[in-house]
Amino acid sequence: MAPGGVLERRCRAEAAVELTARAGVAPVAVIGELADETGTVPGWAGSVAFAREHRLPIVTIGNLVPFVP
């Protein structure tokens, strides 16, 4: 983990821990990756479609940065 979190290093590990800090819970997160039946990662459009289909929110690192003190 970068000492400055997502302000120093914009990647999903830092973002996951930063999100837990904003939520006020333990700094523990699980990171997963979507894949279709063939093992192909769907990309942004496919991820948005999956989220909509399953009524899941999407949060980007860019969405999170303004809330980091």
PDB file of N, CA and C in Angstrom:
ATOM      1  N   MET A   1       0.826  -1.180   0.000  1.00  0.00           N
ATOM      2  CA  MET A   1       0.000   0.000   0.000  1.00  0.00           C
ATOM      3  C   MET A   1       0.873   1.246   0.000  1.00  0.00           C
ATOM      4  N   ALA A   2       0.514   2.173  -0.847  1.00  0.00           N
ATOM      5  CA  ALA A   2       1.213   3.451  -0.895  1.00  0.00           C
ATOM      6  C   ALA A   2       0.809   4.280   0.326  1.00  0.00           C
ATOM      7  N   PRO A   3       1.765   4.941   0.979  1.00  0.00           N
ATOM      8  CA  PRO A   3       1.446   5.737   2.168  1.00  0.00           C
ATOM      9  C   PRO A   3       0.362   6.791   1.917  1.00  0.00           C
ATOM     10  N   GLY A   4       0.318   7.352   0.710  1.00  0.00           N
ATOM     11  CA  GLY A   4      -0.677   8.379   0.386  1.00  0.00           C
ATOM     12  C   GLY A   4      -1.959   7.821  -0.203  1.00  0.00           C
ATOM     13  N   GLY A   5      -2.127   6.488  -0.181  1.00  0.00           N
ATOM     14  CA  GLY A   5      -3.342   5.872  -0.732  1.00  0.00           C
ATOM     15  C   GLY A   5      -3.549   6.220  -2.194  1.00  0.00           C
ATOM     16  N   VAL A   6      -4.820   6.438  -2.574  1.00  0.00           N
ATOM     17  CA  VAL A   6      -5.128   6.716  -3.984  1.00  0.00           C
ATOM     18  C   VAL A   6      -4.626   8.077  -4.445  1.00  0.00           C
ATOM     19  N   LEU A   7      -4.291   8.948  -3.503  1.00  0.00           N
ATOM     20  CA  LEU A   7      -3.742  10.245  -3.914  1.00  0.00           C
ATOM     21  C   LEU A   7      -2.319  10.078  -4.432  1.00  0.00           C
ATOM     22  N   GLU A   8      -1.655   9.021  -3.968  1.00  0.00           N
ATOM     23  CA  GLU A   8      -0.284   8.747  -4.417  1.00  0.00           C
ATOM     24  C   GLU A   8      -0.253   7.703  -5.531  1.00  0.00           C
ATOM     25  N   ARG A   9      -1.081   6.701  -5.398  1.00  0.00           N
ATOM     26  CA  ARG A   9      -1.076   5.586  -6.353  1.00  0.00           C
ATOM     27  C   ARG A   9      -2.518   5.207  -6.679  1.00  0.00           C
ATOM     28  N   ARG A  10      -2.958   5.499  -7.887  1.00  0.00           N
ATOM     29  CA  ARG A  10      -4.348   5.242  -8.279  1.00  0.00           C
ATOM     30  C   ARG A  10      -4.506   3.822  -8.815  1.00  0.00           C
ATOM     31  N   CYS A  11      -4.669   2.898  -7.896  1.00  0.00           N
ATOM     32  CA  CYS A  11      -4.913   1.518  -8.304  1.00  0.00           C
ATOM     33  C   CYS A  11      -5.978   0.917  -7.396  1.00  0.00           C
ATOM     34  N   ARG A  12      -6.462  -0.243  -7.763  1.00  0.00           N
ATOM     35  CA  ARG A  12      -7.612  -0.806  -7.061  1.00  0.00           C
ATOM     36  C   ARG A  12      -7.329  -1.230  -5.628  1.00  0.00           C
ATOM     37  N   ALA A  13      -6.114  -1.655  -5.304  1.00  0.00           N
ATOM     38  CA  ALA A  13      -5.819  -2.040  -3.915  1.00  0.00           C
ATOM     39  C   ALA A  13      -5.941  -0.827  -2.997  1.00  0.00           C
ATOM     40  N   GLU A  14      -5.313   0.284  -3.379  1.00  0.00           N
ATOM     41  CA  GLU A  14      -5.414   1.501  -2.579  1.00  0.00           C
ATOM     42  C   GLU A  14      -6.858   1.987  -2.519  1.00  0.00           C
ATOM     43  N   ALA A  15      -7.555   1.909  -3.639  1.00  0.00           N
ATOM     44  CA  ALA A  15      -8.953   2.351  -3.673  1.00  0.00           C
ATOM     45  C   ALA A  15      -9.829   1.497  -2.760  1.00  0.00           C
ATOM     46  N   ALA A  16      -9.586   0.205  -2.726  1.00  0.00           N
ATOM     47  CA  ALA A  16     -10.384  -0.679  -1.870  1.00  0.00           C
ATOM     48  C   ALA A  16     -10.215  -0.317  -0.400  1.00  0.00           C
ATOM     49  N   VAL A  17      -8.979  -0.099   0.016  1.00  0.00           N
ATOM     50  CA  VAL A  17      -8.729   0.266   1.411  1.00  0.00           C
ATOM     51  C   VAL A  17      -9.277   1.666   1.700  1.00  0.00           C
ATOM     52  N   GLU A  18      -9.136   2.582   0.761  1.00  0.00           N
ATOM     53  CA  GLU A  18      -9.669   3.937   0.933  1.00  0.00           C
ATOM     54  C   GLU A  18     -11.180   3.905   1.096  1.00  0.00           C
ATOM     55  N   LEU A  19     -11.842   3.044   0.332  1.00  0.00           N
ATOM     56  CA  LEU A  19     -13.290   2.910   0.431  1.00  0.00           C
ATOM     57  C   LEU A  19     -13.703   2.421   1.817  1.00  0.00           C
ATOM     58  N   THR A  20     -12.960   1.475   2.372  1.00  0.00           N
ATOM     59  CA  THR A  20     -13.289   0.990   3.720  1.00  0.00           C
ATOM     60  C   THR A  20     -13.103   2.104   4.740  1.00  0.00           C
ATOM     61  N   ALA A  21     -12.091   2.937   4.548  1.00  0.00           N
ATOM     62  CA  ALA A  21     -11.869   4.061   5.466  1.00  0.00           C
ATOM     63  C   ALA A  21     -13.042   5.044   5.403  1.00  0.00           C
ATOM     64  N   ARG A  22     -13.523   5.341   4.194  1.00  0.00           N
ATOM     65  CA  ARG A  22     -14.660   6.252   4.049  1.00  0.00           C
ATOM     66  C   ARG A  22     -15.911   5.649   4.666  1.00  0.00           C
ATOM     67  N   ALA A  23     -16.037   4.314   4.642  1.00  0.00           N
ATOM     68  CA  ALA A  23     -17.211   3.638   5.206  1.00  0.00           C
ATOM     69  C   ALA A  23     -17.101   3.457   6.718  1.00  0.00           C
ATOM     70  N   GLY A  24     -15.904   3.689   7.262  1.00  0.00           N
ATOM     71  CA  GLY A  24     -15.720   3.552   8.704  1.00  0.00           C
ATOM     72  C   GLY A  24     -15.662   2.115   9.182  1.00  0.00           C
ATOM     73  N   VAL A  25     -15.210   1.226   8.319  1.00  0.00           N
ATOM     74  CA  VAL A  25     -15.087  -0.187   8.690  1.00  0.00           C
ATOM     75  C   VAL A  25     -13.622  -0.602   8.651  1.00  0.00           C
ATOM     76  N   ALA A  26     -13.346  -1.834   9.050  1.00  0.00           N
ATOM     77  CA  ALA A  26     -11.967  -2.344   9.059  1.00  0.00           C
ATOM     78  C   ALA A  26     -11.355  -2.245   7.658  1.00  0.00           C
ATOM     79  N   PRO A  27     -10.059  -1.953   7.568  1.00  0.00           N
ATOM     80  CA  PRO A  27      -9.403  -1.814   6.261  1.00  0.00           C
ATOM     81  C   PRO A  27      -9.126  -3.158   5.599  1.00  0.00           C
ATOM     82  N   VAL A  28     -10.205  -3.851   5.278  1.00  0.00           N
ATOM     83  CA  VAL A  28     -10.125  -5.172   4.664  1.00  0.00           C
ATOM     84  C   VAL A  28     -11.033  -5.169   3.438  1.00  0.00           C
ATOM     85  N   ALA A  29     -10.537  -5.672   2.316  1.00  0.00           N
ATOM     86  CA  ALA A  29     -11.336  -5.699   1.093  1.00  0.00           C
ATOM     87  C   ALA A  29     -10.985  -6.932   0.272  1.00  0.00           C
ATOM     88  N   VAL A  30     -11.912  -7.327  -0.574  1.00  0.00           N
ATOM     89  CA  VAL A  30     -11.680  -8.405  -1.530  1.00  0.00           C
ATOM     90  C   VAL A  30     -11.791  -7.793  -2.916  1.00  0.00           C
ATOM     91  N   ILE A  31     -10.815  -8.079  -3.755  1.00  0.00           N
ATOM     92  CA  ILE A  31     -10.822  -7.551  -5.115  1.00  0.00           C
ATOM     93  C   ILE A  31     -11.025  -8.718  -6.075  1.00  0.00           C
ATOM     94  N   GLY A  32     -12.000  -8.578  -6.948  1.00  0.00           N
ATOM     95  CA  GLY A  32     -12.270  -9.617  -7.934  1.00  0.00           C
ATOM     96  C   GLY A  32     -12.282  -9.023  -9.325  1.00  0.00           C
ATOM     97  N   GLU A  33     -12.363  -9.879 -10.313  1.00  0.00           N
ATOM     98  CA  GLU A  33     -12.409  -9.412 -11.693  1.00  0.00           C
ATOM     99  C   GLU A  33     -13.497 -10.169 -12.428  1.00  0.00           C
ATOM    100  N   LEU A  34     -14.274  -9.455 -13.221  1.00  0.00           N
ATOM    101  CA  LEU A  34     -15.318 -10.087 -14.018  1.00  0.00           C
ATOM    102  C   LEU A  34     -14.699 -10.801 -15.213  1.00  0.00           C
ATOM    103  N   ALA A  35     -15.313 -11.903 -15.593  1.00  0.00           N
ATOM    104  CA  ALA A  35     -14.919 -12.616 -16.810  1.00  0.00           C
ATOM    105  C   ALA A  35     -16.165 -13.277 -17.380  1.00  0.00           C
ATOM    106  N   ASP A  36     -16.257 -13.353 -18.693  1.00  0.00           N
ATOM    107  CA  ASP A  36     -17.404 -14.024 -19.307  1.00  0.00           C
ATOM    108  C   ASP A  36     -17.147 -15.534 -19.387  1.00  0.00           C
ATOM    109  N   GLU A  37     -18.027 -16.242 -20.054  1.00  0.00           N
ATOM    110  CA  GLU A  37     -17.937 -17.710 -20.135  1.00  0.00           C
ATOM    111  C   GLU A  37     -16.635 -18.201 -20.747  1.00  0.00           C
ATOM    112  N   THR A  38     -16.017 -17.368 -21.587  1.00  0.00           N
ATOM    113  CA  THR A  38     -14.774 -17.778 -22.253  1.00  0.00           C
ATOM    114  C   THR A  38     -13.533 -17.350 -21.469  1.00  0.00           C
ATOM    115  N   GLY A  39     -13.747 -16.634 -20.348  1.00  0.00           N
ATOM    116  CA  GLY A  39     -12.623 -16.151 -19.561  1.00  0.00           C
ATOM    117  C   GLY A  39     -12.144 -14.772 -19.970  1.00  0.00           C
ATOM    118  N   THR A  40     -12.869 -14.158 -20.910  1.00  0.00           N
ATOM    119  CA  THR A  40     -12.507 -12.826 -21.385  1.00  0.00           C
ATOM    120  C   THR A  40     -13.016 -11.768 -20.411  1.00  0.00           C
ATOM    121  N   VAL A  41     -12.154 -10.819 -20.087  1.00  0.00           N
ATOM    122  CA  VAL A  41     -12.546  -9.701 -19.234  1.00  0.00           C
ATOM    123  C   VAL A  41     -13.389  -8.745 -20.076  1.00  0.00           C
ATOM    124  N   PRO A  42     -14.579  -8.348 -19.594  1.00  0.00           N
ATOM    125  CA  PRO A  42     -15.519  -7.616 -20.428  1.00  0.00           C
ATOM    126  C   PRO A  42     -15.185  -6.163 -20.753  1.00  0.00           C
ATOM    127  N   GLY A  43     -14.290  -5.519 -20.049  1.00  0.00           N
ATOM    128  CA  GLY A  43     -14.020  -4.103 -20.302  1.00  0.00           C
ATOM    129  C   GLY A  43     -15.091  -3.233 -19.655  1.00  0.00           C
ATOM    130  N   TRP A  44     -14.960  -1.919 -19.861  1.00  0.00           N
ATOM    131  CA  TRP A  44     -15.851  -0.973 -19.185  1.00  0.00           C
ATOM    132  C   TRP A  44     -17.318  -1.182 -19.564  1.00  0.00           C
ATOM    133  N   ALA A  45     -17.627  -1.253 -20.854  1.00  0.00           N
ATOM    134  CA  ALA A  45     -19.023  -1.398 -21.285  1.00  0.00           C
ATOM    135  C   ALA A  45     -19.643  -2.682 -20.745  1.00  0.00           C
ATOM    136  N   GLY A  46     -18.905  -3.759 -20.793  1.00  0.00           N
ATOM    137  CA  GLY A  46     -19.404  -5.029 -20.258  1.00  0.00           C
ATOM    138  C   GLY A  46     -19.584  -4.980 -18.758  1.00  0.00           C
ATOM    139  N   SER A  47     -18.698  -4.287 -18.067  1.00  0.00           N
ATOM    140  CA  SER A  47     -18.811  -4.145 -16.612  1.00  0.00           C
ATOM    141  C   SER A  47     -20.046  -3.331 -16.241  1.00  0.00           C
ATOM    142  N   VAL A  48     -20.287  -2.267 -16.982  1.00  0.00           N
ATOM    143  CA  VAL A  48     -21.479  -1.443 -16.733  1.00  0.00           C
ATOM    144  C   VAL A  48     -22.743  -2.255 -16.994  1.00  0.00           C
ATOM    145  N   ALA A  49     -22.759  -3.024 -18.069  1.00  0.00           N
ATOM    146  CA  ALA A  49     -23.925  -3.864 -18.375  1.00  0.00           C
ATOM    147  C   ALA A  49     -24.164  -4.882 -17.262  1.00  0.00           C
ATOM    148  N   PHE A  50     -23.094  -5.503 -16.778  1.00  0.00           N
ATOM    149  CA  PHE A  50     -23.211  -6.480 -15.684  1.00  0.00           C
ATOM    150  C   PHE A  50     -23.757  -5.805 -14.427  1.00  0.00           C
ATOM    151  N   ALA A  51     -23.231  -4.646 -14.116  1.00  0.00           N
ATOM    152  CA  ALA A  51     -23.681  -3.918 -12.925  1.00  0.00           C
ATOM    153  C   ALA A  51     -25.163  -3.557 -13.034  1.00  0.00           C
ATOM    154  N   ARG A  52     -25.569  -3.094 -14.183  1.00  0.00           N
ATOM    155  CA  ARG A  52     -26.989  -2.748 -14.366  1.00  0.00           C
ATOM    156  C   ARG A  52     -27.874  -3.979 -14.235  1.00  0.00           C
ATOM    157  N   GLU A  53     -27.464  -5.051 -14.875  1.00  0.00           N
ATOM    158  CA  GLU A  53     -28.257  -6.282 -14.842  1.00  0.00           C
ATOM    159  C   GLU A  53     -28.433  -6.796 -13.414  1.00  0.00           C
ATOM    160  N   HIS A  54     -27.408  -6.640 -12.605  1.00  0.00           N
ATOM    161  CA  HIS A  54     -27.438  -7.175 -11.243  1.00  0.00           C
ATOM    162  C   HIS A  54     -27.662  -6.094 -10.178  1.00  0.00           C
ATOM    163  N   ARG A  55     -28.022  -4.894 -10.656  1.00  0.00           N
ATOM    164  CA  ARG A  55     -28.325  -3.762  -9.768  1.00  0.00           C
ATOM    165  C   ARG A  55     -27.196  -3.487  -8.783  1.00  0.00           C
ATOM    166  N   LEU A  56     -25.970  -3.405  -9.320  1.00  0.00           N
ATOM    167  CA  LEU A  56     -24.778  -3.132  -8.516  1.00  0.00           C
ATOM    168  C   LEU A  56     -24.266  -1.729  -8.819  1.00  0.00           C
ATOM    169  N   PRO A  57     -23.781  -1.026  -7.814  1.00  0.00           N
ATOM    170  CA  PRO A  57     -23.196   0.291  -8.084  1.00  0.00           C
ATOM    171  C   PRO A  57     -21.798   0.146  -8.680  1.00  0.00           C
ATOM    172  N   ILE A  58     -21.384   1.133  -9.422  1.00  0.00           N
ATOM    173  CA  ILE A  58     -20.013   1.196  -9.926  1.00  0.00           C
ATOM    174  C   ILE A  58     -19.379   2.447  -9.334  1.00  0.00           C
ATOM    175  N   VAL A  59     -18.227   2.266  -8.732  1.00  0.00           N
ATOM    176  CA  VAL A  59     -17.468   3.384  -8.174  1.00  0.00           C
ATOM    177  C   VAL A  59     -16.087   3.340  -8.811  1.00  0.00           C
ATOM    178  N   THR A  60     -15.688   4.439  -9.400  1.00  0.00           N
ATOM    179  CA  THR A  60     -14.351   4.519  -9.988  1.00  0.00           C
ATOM    180  C   THR A  60     -13.400   5.187  -9.001  1.00  0.00           C
ATOM    181  N   ILE A  61     -12.124   5.040  -9.234  1.00  0.00           N
ATOM    182  CA  ILE A  61     -11.140   5.716  -8.394  1.00  0.00           C
ATOM    183  C   ILE A  61     -11.348   7.226  -8.507  1.00  0.00           C
ATOM    184  N   GLY A  62     -11.679   7.695  -9.681  1.00  0.00           N
ATOM    185  CA  GLY A  62     -11.966   9.117  -9.865  1.00  0.00           C
ATOM    186  C   GLY A  62     -13.142   9.592  -9.033  1.00  0.00           C
ATOM    187  N   ASN A  63     -14.146   8.733  -8.839  1.00  0.00           N
ATOM    188  CA  ASN A  63     -15.282   9.074  -7.971  1.00  0.00           C
ATOM    189  C   ASN A  63     -14.854   9.176  -6.516  1.00  0.00           C
ATOM    190  N   LEU A  64     -13.888   8.370  -6.134  1.00  0.00           N
ATOM    191  CA  LEU A  64     -13.459   8.276  -4.745  1.00  0.00           C
ATOM    192  C   LEU A  64     -12.507   9.397  -4.315  1.00  0.00           C
ATOM    193  N   VAL A  65     -11.625   9.809  -5.207  1.00  0.00           N
ATOM    194  CA  VAL A  65     -10.568  10.777  -4.873  1.00  0.00           C
ATOM    195  C   VAL A  65     -11.073  12.047  -4.185  1.00  0.00           C
ATOM    196  N   PRO A  66     -12.159  12.672  -4.634  1.00  0.00           N
ATOM    197  CA  PRO A  66     -12.607  13.902  -3.971  1.00  0.00           C
ATOM    198  C   PRO A  66     -12.973  13.736  -2.489  1.00  0.00           C
ATOM    199  N   PHE A  67     -13.207  12.524  -2.061  1.00  0.00           N
ATOM    200  CA  PHE A  67     -13.609  12.284  -0.672  1.00  0.00           C
ATOM    201  C   PHE A  67     -12.434  11.926   0.232  1.00  0.00           C
ATOM    202  N   VAL A  68     -11.240  11.851  -0.346  1.00  0.00           N
ATOM    203  CA  VAL A  68     -10.043  11.487   0.428  1.00  0.00           C
ATOM    204  C   VAL A  68      -9.496  12.755   1.080  1.00  0.00           C
ATOM    205  N   PRO A  69      -9.330  12.711   2.402  1.00  0.00           N
ATOM    206  CA  PRO A  69      -8.821  13.918   3.082  1.00  0.00           C
ATOM    207  C   PRO A  69      -7.339  14.176   2.774  1.00  0.00           C
TER     208      PRO A  69
END
